Structure formats: C-alpha cells, structure tokens
PDB file of N, CA and C in Angstrom:
ATOM      1  N   UNK A   1     -67.698  49.915  30.809  1.00  0.00           N
ATOM      2  CA  UNK A   1     -66.602  49.263  29.903  1.00  0.00           C
ATOM      3  C   UNK A   1     -67.563  48.027  28.899  1.00  0.00           C
ATOM      4  N   UNK A   2     -67.692  48.302  27.340  1.00  0.00           N
ATOM      5  CA  UNK A   2     -68.016  47.373  27.226  1.00  0.00           C
ATOM      6  C   UNK A   2     -66.457  46.157  26.745  1.00  0.00           C
ATOM      7  N   UNK A   3     -67.001  45.460  25.742  1.00  0.00           N
ATOM      8  CA  UNK A   3     -65.884  44.423  25.269  1.00  0.00           C
ATOM      9  C   UNK A   3     -64.710  45.050  24.392  1.00  0.00           C
ATOM     10  N   UNK A   4     -63.543  44.404  24.722  1.00  0.00           N
ATOM     11  CA  UNK A   4     -62.319  44.907  24.360  1.00  0.00           C
ATOM     12  C   UNK A   4     -62.435  43.854  23.072  1.00  0.00           C
ATOM     13  N   UNK A   5     -61.568  44.527  21.746  1.00  0.00           N
ATOM     14  CA  UNK A   5     -61.305  43.924  20.592  1.00  0.00           C
ATOM     15  C   UNK A   5     -59.619  44.022  20.702  1.00  0.00           C
ATOM     16  N   UNK A   6     -59.323  42.583  20.657  1.00  0.00           N
ATOM     17  CA  UNK A   6     -58.060  42.698  20.029  1.00  0.00           C
ATOM     18  C   UNK A   6     -57.632  42.068  19.096  1.00  0.00           C
ATOM     19  N   UNK A   7     -56.358  41.927  18.107  1.00  0.00           N
ATOM     20  CA  UNK A   7     -55.718  40.761  17.293  1.00  0.00           C
ATOM     21  C   UNK A   7     -54.821  40.435  17.463  1.00  0.00           C
ATOM     22  N   UNK A   8     -54.540  39.077  16.921  1.00  0.00           N
ATOM     23  CA  UNK A   8     -53.131  38.495  17.136  1.00  0.00           C
ATOM     24  C   UNK A   8     -52.236  38.918  16.163  1.00  0.00           C
ATOM     25  N   UNK A   9     -51.266  39.344  16.706  1.00  0.00           N
ATOM     26  CA  UNK A   9     -50.685  39.772  15.472  1.00  0.00           C
ATOM     27  C   UNK A   9     -48.607  39.135  16.561  1.00  0.00           C
ATOM     28  N   UNK A  10     -47.921  38.181  15.212  1.00  0.00           N
ATOM     29  CA  UNK A  10     -47.080  37.565  15.776  1.00  0.00           C
ATOM     30  C   UNK A  10     -46.917  36.804  16.861  1.00  0.00           C
ATOM     31  N   UNK A  11     -48.545  36.579  17.288  1.00  0.00           N
ATOM     32  CA  UNK A  11     -48.366  35.299  18.392  1.00  0.00           C
ATOM     33  C   UNK A  11     -48.496  36.427  19.796  1.00  0.00           C
ATOM     34  N   UNK A  12     -49.080  37.445  19.547  1.00  0.00           N
ATOM     35  CA  UNK A  12     -48.986  38.807  20.826  1.00  0.00           C
ATOM     36  C   UNK A  12     -50.770  39.191  20.236  1.00  0.00           C
ATOM     37  N   UNK A  13     -51.395  39.386  21.224  1.00  0.00           N
ATOM     38  CA  UNK A  13     -52.723  40.074  21.646  1.00  0.00           C
ATOM     39  C   UNK A  13     -51.932  41.938  21.305  1.00  0.00           C
ATOM     40  N   UNK A  14     -52.882  42.320  20.258  1.00  0.00           N
ATOM     41  CA  UNK A  14     -52.728  43.792  19.970  1.00  0.00           C
ATOM     42  C   UNK A  14     -53.896  44.553  20.488  1.00  0.00           C
ATOM     43  N   UNK A  15     -53.852  44.833  21.218  1.00  0.00           N
ATOM     44  CA  UNK A  15     -55.603  46.068  21.606  1.00  0.00           C
ATOM     45  C   UNK A  15     -55.012  47.199  21.259  1.00  0.00           C
ATOM     46  N   UNK A  16     -56.024  48.049  20.183  1.00  0.00           N
ATOM     47  CA  UNK A  16     -56.029  49.540  20.495  1.00  0.00           C
ATOM     48  C   UNK A  16     -57.337  50.148  19.881  1.00  0.00           C
ATOM     49  N   UNK A  17     -58.150  50.060  21.756  1.00  0.00           N
ATOM     50  CA  UNK A  17     -59.127  50.532  22.123  1.00  0.00           C
ATOM     51  C   UNK A  17     -58.949  51.909  23.061  1.00  0.00           C
ATOM     52  N   UNK A  18     -59.828  52.700  22.447  1.00  0.00           N
ATOM     53  CA  UNK A  18     -59.822  53.768  23.963  1.00  0.00           C
ATOM     54  C   UNK A  18     -60.683  53.062  24.953  1.00  0.00           C
ATOM     55  N   UNK A  19     -59.755  53.621  26.122  1.00  0.00           N
ATOM     56  CA  UNK A  19     -60.203  53.284  27.405  1.00  0.00           C
ATOM     57  C   UNK A  19     -60.593  54.219  28.594  1.00  0.00           C
ATOM     58  N   UNK A  20     -60.887  54.538  29.603  1.00  0.00           N
ATOM     59  CA  UNK A  20     -61.097  55.263  30.633  1.00  0.00           C
ATOM     60  C   UNK A  20     -60.299  54.998  31.929  1.00  0.00           C
ATOM     61  N   UNK A  21     -59.899  53.840  31.329  1.00  0.00           N
ATOM     62  CA  UNK A  21     -58.977  52.867  32.490  1.00  0.00           C
ATOM     63  C   UNK A  21     -57.647  53.862  32.825  1.00  0.00           C
ATOM     64  N   UNK A  22     -57.585  53.608  34.791  1.00  0.00           N
ATOM     65  CA  UNK A  22     -55.878  54.429  34.491  1.00  0.00           C
ATOM     66  C   UNK A  22     -54.623  53.638  33.862  1.00  0.00           C
ATOM     67  N   UNK A  23     -53.532  54.445  33.732  1.00  0.00           N
ATOM     68  CA  UNK A  23     -52.104  53.745  33.366  1.00  0.00           C
ATOM     69  C   UNK A  23     -52.158  52.885  34.307  1.00  0.00           C
ATOM     70  N   UNK A  24     -51.847  51.585  34.051  1.00  0.00           N
ATOM     71  CA  UNK A  24     -50.800  50.323  35.319  1.00  0.00           C
ATOM     72  C   UNK A  24     -52.251  49.944  35.508  1.00  0.00           C
ATOM     73  N   UNK A  25     -53.893  50.020  35.057  1.00  0.00           N
ATOM     74  CA  UNK A  25     -54.247  48.672  35.070  1.00  0.00           C
ATOM     75  C   UNK A  25     -54.603  47.907  34.450  1.00  0.00           C
ATOM     76  N   UNK A  26     -54.506  45.980  34.906  1.00  0.00           N
ATOM     77  CA  UNK A  26     -54.035  45.131  34.860  1.00  0.00           C
ATOM     78  C   UNK A  26     -55.758  44.704  34.644  1.00  0.00           C
ATOM     79  N   UNK A  27     -56.175  43.919  33.515  1.00  0.00           N
ATOM     80  CA  UNK A  27     -57.380  42.981  32.840  1.00  0.00           C
ATOM     81  C   UNK A  27     -56.938  42.099  32.646  1.00  0.00           C
ATOM     82  N   UNK A  28     -58.403  41.182  32.617  1.00  0.00           N
ATOM     83  CA  UNK A  28     -58.289  39.902  32.487  1.00  0.00           C
ATOM     84  C   UNK A  28     -59.009  39.923  31.070  1.00  0.00           C
ATOM     85  N   UNK A  29     -58.222  39.317  29.885  1.00  0.00           N
ATOM     86  CA  UNK A  29     -59.343  38.964  28.763  1.00  0.00           C
ATOM     87  C   UNK A  29     -59.357  37.608  28.366  1.00  0.00           C
ATOM     88  N   UNK A  30     -60.412  37.577  28.242  1.00  0.00           N
ATOM     89  CA  UNK A  30     -61.290  35.791  27.816  1.00  0.00           C
ATOM     90  C   UNK A  30     -61.870  35.755  26.707  1.00  0.00           C
ATOM     91  N   UNK A  31     -61.732  34.874  25.727  1.00  0.00           N
ATOM     92  CA  UNK A  31     -62.179  34.557  24.708  1.00  0.00           C
ATOM     93  C   UNK A  31     -63.421  33.562  24.782  1.00  0.00           C
ATOM     94  N   UNK A  32     -64.357  34.524  24.468  1.00  0.00           N
ATOM     95  CA  UNK A  32     -65.294  33.697  25.026  1.00  0.00           C
ATOM     96  C   UNK A  32     -66.240  33.062  23.471  1.00  0.00           C
ATOM     97  N   UNK A  33     -66.002  31.927  23.499  1.00  0.00           N
ATOM     98  CA  UNK A  33     -66.028  31.430  21.863  1.00  0.00           C
ATOM     99  C   UNK A  33     -66.935  30.583  22.020  1.00  0.00           C
ATOM    100  N   UNK A  34     -67.232  29.403  23.258  1.00  0.00           N
ATOM    101  CA  UNK A  34     -67.512  28.705  23.460  1.00  0.00           C
ATOM    102  C   UNK A  34     -69.181  28.130  23.016  1.00  0.00           C
ATOM    103  N   UNK A  35     -69.684  29.265  22.312  1.00  0.00           N
ATOM    104  CA  UNK A  35     -71.280  29.486  22.306  1.00  0.00           C
ATOM    105  C   UNK A  35     -72.121  28.978  23.500  1.00  0.00           C
ATOM    106  N   UNK A  36     -72.935  27.815  23.247  1.00  0.00           N
ATOM    107  CA  UNK A  36     -74.013  27.899  24.263  1.00  0.00           C
ATOM    108  C   UNK A  36     -74.354  26.585  24.549  1.00  0.00           C
ATOM    109  N   UNK A  37     -75.289  26.189  25.601  1.00  0.00           N
ATOM    110  CA  UNK A  37     -75.458  24.811  26.106  1.00  0.00           C
ATOM    111  C   UNK A  37     -76.790  24.277  25.454  1.00  0.00           C
ATOM    112  N   UNK A  38     -77.543  25.002  24.557  1.00  0.00           N
ATOM    113  CA  UNK A  38     -78.568  24.827  24.133  1.00  0.00           C
ATOM    114  C   UNK A  38     -78.962  23.139  23.249  1.00  0.00           C
ATOM    115  N   UNK A  39     -80.112  22.749  23.742  1.00  0.00           N
ATOM    116  CA  UNK A  39     -80.462  21.190  23.201  1.00  0.00           C
ATOM    117  C   UNK A  39     -81.390  22.076  21.859  1.00  0.00           C
ATOM    118  N   UNK A  40     -81.431  20.911  20.767  1.00  0.00           N
ATOM    119  CA  UNK A  40     -82.333  21.754  19.511  1.00  0.00           C
ATOM    120  C   UNK A  40     -83.528  22.217  19.565  1.00  0.00           C
ATOM    121  N   UNK A  41     -83.584  21.701  20.855  1.00  0.00           N
ATOM    122  CA  UNK A  41     -85.408  21.935  21.304  1.00  0.00           C
ATOM    123  C   UNK A  41     -85.546  23.013  21.862  1.00  0.00           C
ATOM    124  N   UNK A  42     -84.396  23.725  22.587  1.00  0.00           N
ATOM    125  CA  UNK A  42     -84.348  24.377  23.419  1.00  0.00           C
ATOM    126  C   UNK A  42     -84.342  25.354  22.421  1.00  0.00           C
ATOM    127  N   UNK A  43     -83.254  25.122  21.631  1.00  0.00           N
ATOM    128  CA  UNK A  43     -83.264  26.305  20.747  1.00  0.00           C
ATOM    129  C   UNK A  43     -84.205  26.623  19.759  1.00  0.00           C
ATOM    130  N   UNK A  44     -85.015  25.911  19.071  1.00  0.00           N
ATOM    131  CA  UNK A  44     -86.000  25.898  18.379  1.00  0.00           C
ATOM    132  C   UNK A  44     -87.363  26.761  19.525  1.00  0.00           C
ATOM    133  N   UNK A  45     -87.365  26.485  20.422  1.00  0.00           N
ATOM    134  CA  UNK A  45     -88.457  27.172  21.604  1.00  0.00           C
ATOM    135  C   UNK A  45     -87.756  28.583  21.849  1.00  0.00           C
ATOM    136  N   UNK A  46     -86.435  29.022  22.029  1.00  0.00           N
ATOM    137  CA  UNK A  46     -86.088  30.078  21.832  1.00  0.00           C
ATOM    138  C   UNK A  46     -85.931  31.129  20.367  1.00  0.00           C
ATOM    139  N   UNK A  47     -85.903  30.537  19.485  1.00  0.00           N
ATOM    140  CA  UNK A  47     -86.327  31.277  18.114  1.00  0.00           C
ATOM    141  C   UNK A  47     -87.752  31.374  17.980  1.00  0.00           C
ATOM    142  N   UNK A  48     -88.702  30.447  18.442  1.00  0.00           N
ATOM    143  CA  UNK A  48     -90.052  31.287  18.447  1.00  0.00           C
ATOM    144  C   UNK A  48     -90.578  31.762  19.299  1.00  0.00           C
ATOM    145  N   UNK A  49     -90.291  31.687  20.531  1.00  0.00           N
ATOM    146  CA  UNK A  49     -90.106  33.313  21.158  1.00  0.00           C
ATOM    147  C   UNK A  49     -89.821  34.065  20.566  1.00  0.00           C
ATOM    148  N   UNK A  50     -88.974  34.465  20.392  1.00  0.00           N
ATOM    149  CA  UNK A  50     -88.335  35.608  19.683  1.00  0.00           C
ATOM    150  C   UNK A  50     -89.220  35.905  18.804  1.00  0.00           C
ATOM    151  N   UNK A  51     -89.573  35.237  17.767  1.00  0.00           N
ATOM    152  CA  UNK A  51     -90.176  35.747  16.710  1.00  0.00           C
ATOM    153  C   UNK A  51     -91.587  36.283  17.142  1.00  0.00           C
ATOM    154  N   UNK A  52     -92.160  35.443  18.494  1.00  0.00           N
ATOM    155  CA  UNK A  52     -93.507  35.872  18.207  1.00  0.00           C
ATOM    156  C   UNK A  52     -93.528  37.480  18.924  1.00  0.00           C
ATOM    157  N   UNK A  53     -92.000  37.334  19.699  1.00  0.00           N
ATOM    158  CA  UNK A  53     -91.961  38.997  20.369  1.00  0.00           C
ATOM    159  C   UNK A  53     -91.703  39.769  19.301  1.00  0.00           C
ATOM    160  N   UNK A  54     -91.083  39.669  18.730  1.00  0.00           N
ATOM    161  CA  UNK A  54     -90.715  40.630  17.638  1.00  0.00           C
ATOM    162  C   UNK A  54     -92.289  41.058  16.793  1.00  0.00           C
ATOM    163  N   UNK A  55     -93.108  39.955  16.060  1.00  0.00           N
ATOM    164  CA  UNK A  55     -94.655  40.267  15.794  1.00  0.00           C
ATOM    165  C   UNK A  55     -94.956  40.716  16.994  1.00  0.00           C
ATOM    166  N   UNK A  56     -94.741  41.038  18.160  1.00  0.00           N
ATOM    167  CA  UNK A  56     -95.871  41.345  19.248  1.00  0.00           C
ATOM    168  C   UNK A  56     -95.420  42.946  18.765  1.00  0.00           C
ATOM    169  N   UNK A  57     -93.514  43.060  18.865  1.00  0.00           N
ATOM    170  CA  UNK A  57     -93.355  44.792  19.383  1.00  0.00           C
ATOM    171  C   UNK A  57     -94.059  45.264  17.550  1.00  0.00           C
ATOM    172  N   UNK A  58     -93.646  44.958  16.848  1.00  0.00           N
ATOM    173  CA  UNK A  58     -94.249  45.294  14.818  1.00  0.00           C
ATOM    174  C   UNK A  58     -95.665  45.943  15.225  1.00  0.00           C
ATOM    175  N   UNK A  59     -96.555  45.122  15.915  1.00  0.00           N
ATOM    176  CA  UNK A  59     -97.678  45.131  15.987  1.00  0.00           C
ATOM    177  C   UNK A  59     -97.795  46.253  17.438  1.00  0.00           C
ATOM    178  N   UNK A  60     -96.647  46.961  17.705  1.00  0.00           N
ATOM    179  CA  UNK A  60     -97.174  48.159  18.744  1.00  0.00           C
ATOM    180  C   UNK A  60     -97.612  47.808  20.476  1.00  0.00           C
ATOM    181  N   UNK A  61     -97.312  46.021  20.421  1.00  0.00           N
ATOM    182  CA  UNK A  61     -98.027  45.886  21.765  1.00  0.00           C
ATOM    183  C   UNK A  61     -96.462  45.523  22.894  1.00  0.00           C
ATOM    184  N   UNK A  62     -96.022  46.679  23.088  1.00  0.00           N
ATOM    185  CA  UNK A  62     -94.702  47.029  24.392  1.00  0.00           C
ATOM    186  C   UNK A  62     -94.915  47.252  25.763  1.00  0.00           C
ATOM    187  N   UNK A  63     -93.944  47.059  25.989  1.00  0.00           N
ATOM    188  CA  UNK A  63     -94.328  47.466  27.776  1.00  0.00           C
ATOM    189  C   UNK A  63     -93.154  47.919  27.872  1.00  0.00           C
ATOM    190  N   UNK A  64     -93.031  49.091  28.734  1.00  0.00           N
ATOM    191  CA  UNK A  64     -91.209  49.757  29.145  1.00  0.00           C
ATOM    192  C   UNK A  64     -91.236  48.334  29.882  1.00  0.00           C
ATOM    193  N   UNK A  65     -89.335  48.117  29.674  1.00  0.00           N
ATOM    194  CA  UNK A  65     -88.954  47.106  30.455  1.00  0.00           C
ATOM    195  C   UNK A  65     -88.923  47.522  31.913  1.00  0.00           C
ATOM    196  N   UNK A  66     -88.591  48.601  31.967  1.00  0.00           N
ATOM    197  CA  UNK A  66     -88.740  49.272  33.831  1.00  0.00           C
ATOM    198  C   UNK A  66     -90.208  48.368  34.597  1.00  0.00           C
ATOM    199  N   UNK A  67     -91.544  48.616  33.629  1.00  0.00           N
ATOM    200  CA  UNK A  67     -92.944  48.063  34.020  1.00  0.00           C
ATOM    201  C   UNK A  67     -93.006  46.603  34.735  1.00  0.00           C
ATOM    202  N   UNK A  68     -91.645  46.130  33.392  1.00  0.00           N
ATOM    203  CA  UNK A  68     -91.716  44.456  33.137  1.00  0.00           C
ATOM    204  C   UNK A  68     -91.000  43.937  34.465  1.00  0.00           C
ATOM    205  N   UNK A  69     -89.732  44.703  34.850  1.00  0.00           N
ATOM    206  CA  UNK A  69     -88.985  44.362  35.792  1.00  0.00           C
ATOM    207  C   UNK A  69     -89.771  45.328  37.112  1.00  0.00           C
ATOM    208  N   UNK A  70     -90.245  46.147  37.319  1.00  0.00           N
ATOM    209  CA  UNK A  70     -90.806  46.179  38.889  1.00  0.00           C
ATOM    210  C   UNK A  70     -91.816  44.970  39.034  1.00  0.00           C
ATOM    211  N   UNK A  71     -92.744  44.771  37.883  1.00  0.00           N
ATOM    212  CA  UNK A  71     -93.651  43.360  38.118  1.00  0.00           C
ATOM    213  C   UNK A  71     -92.861  41.989  38.767  1.00  0.00           C
ATOM    214  N   UNK A  72     -91.630  41.853  37.994  1.00  0.00           N
ATOM    215  CA  UNK A  72     -91.470  40.572  38.370  1.00  0.00           C
ATOM    216  C   UNK A  72     -90.454  40.836  39.755  1.00  0.00           C
ATOM    217  N   UNK A  73     -90.089  42.041  40.206  1.00  0.00           N
ATOM    218  CA  UNK A  73     -89.475  41.641  41.893  1.00  0.00           C
ATOM    219  C   UNK A  73     -91.288  42.021  42.316  1.00  0.00           C
ATOM    220  N   UNK A  74     -91.917  42.462  42.293  1.00  0.00           N
ATOM    221  CA  UNK A  74     -93.240  41.894  43.095  1.00  0.00           C
ATOM    222  C   UNK A  74     -93.281  40.549  43.299  1.00  0.00           C
ATOM    223  N   UNK A  75     -92.956  40.244  42.366  1.00  0.00           N
ATOM    224  CA  UNK A  75     -93.344  38.622  42.236  1.00  0.00           C
ATOM    225  C   UNK A  75     -92.482  37.541  43.618  1.00  0.00           C
ATOM    226  N   UNK A  76     -91.573  38.478  44.135  1.00  0.00           N
ATOM    227  CA  UNK A  76     -90.275  37.762  44.859  1.00  0.00           C
ATOM    228  C   UNK A  76     -91.166  37.188  46.531  1.00  0.00           C
TER     229      UNK A  76
END
C-alpha cells in the first residue's frame, strides 16, 4: 500500500482513500516533511550524478535493475 493522503478539516484529519485494509485496522500516520540532511556539496554531487544518469539513459546505455542487484549481491 502506498502513502495515504489526508486533509485537515476543523482540526481533524479527514482521510478518504480506498484501501484493502480490514475494518478496525489501526494505522499510524506520520507527517514526513523534514526534508533531508544533505549538505550543499552532497546535494550538488547528487544532482550531477542524476543528470549524468539521465543523459546515459537517454543515450540507451541502460542495465536492468535485476542485473545490478544481482551484481551488488555477489559483492557481499
């Protein structure tokens, strides 16, 4: 199940999302708006890596995620 979206109405959370959870299920909702703890240098490096990755993908230089995961598992 993915994230749930609620709105605040008169100080109460109002949730109107379909779910497969059984009636009576109790869940914890967490407001996750803390961002991250990257430094400016780390964020710059991340954006450079993402841009290089996108350029590589656009050029057709792709690998299946399963192959990459298999390689990482072998390195353990």
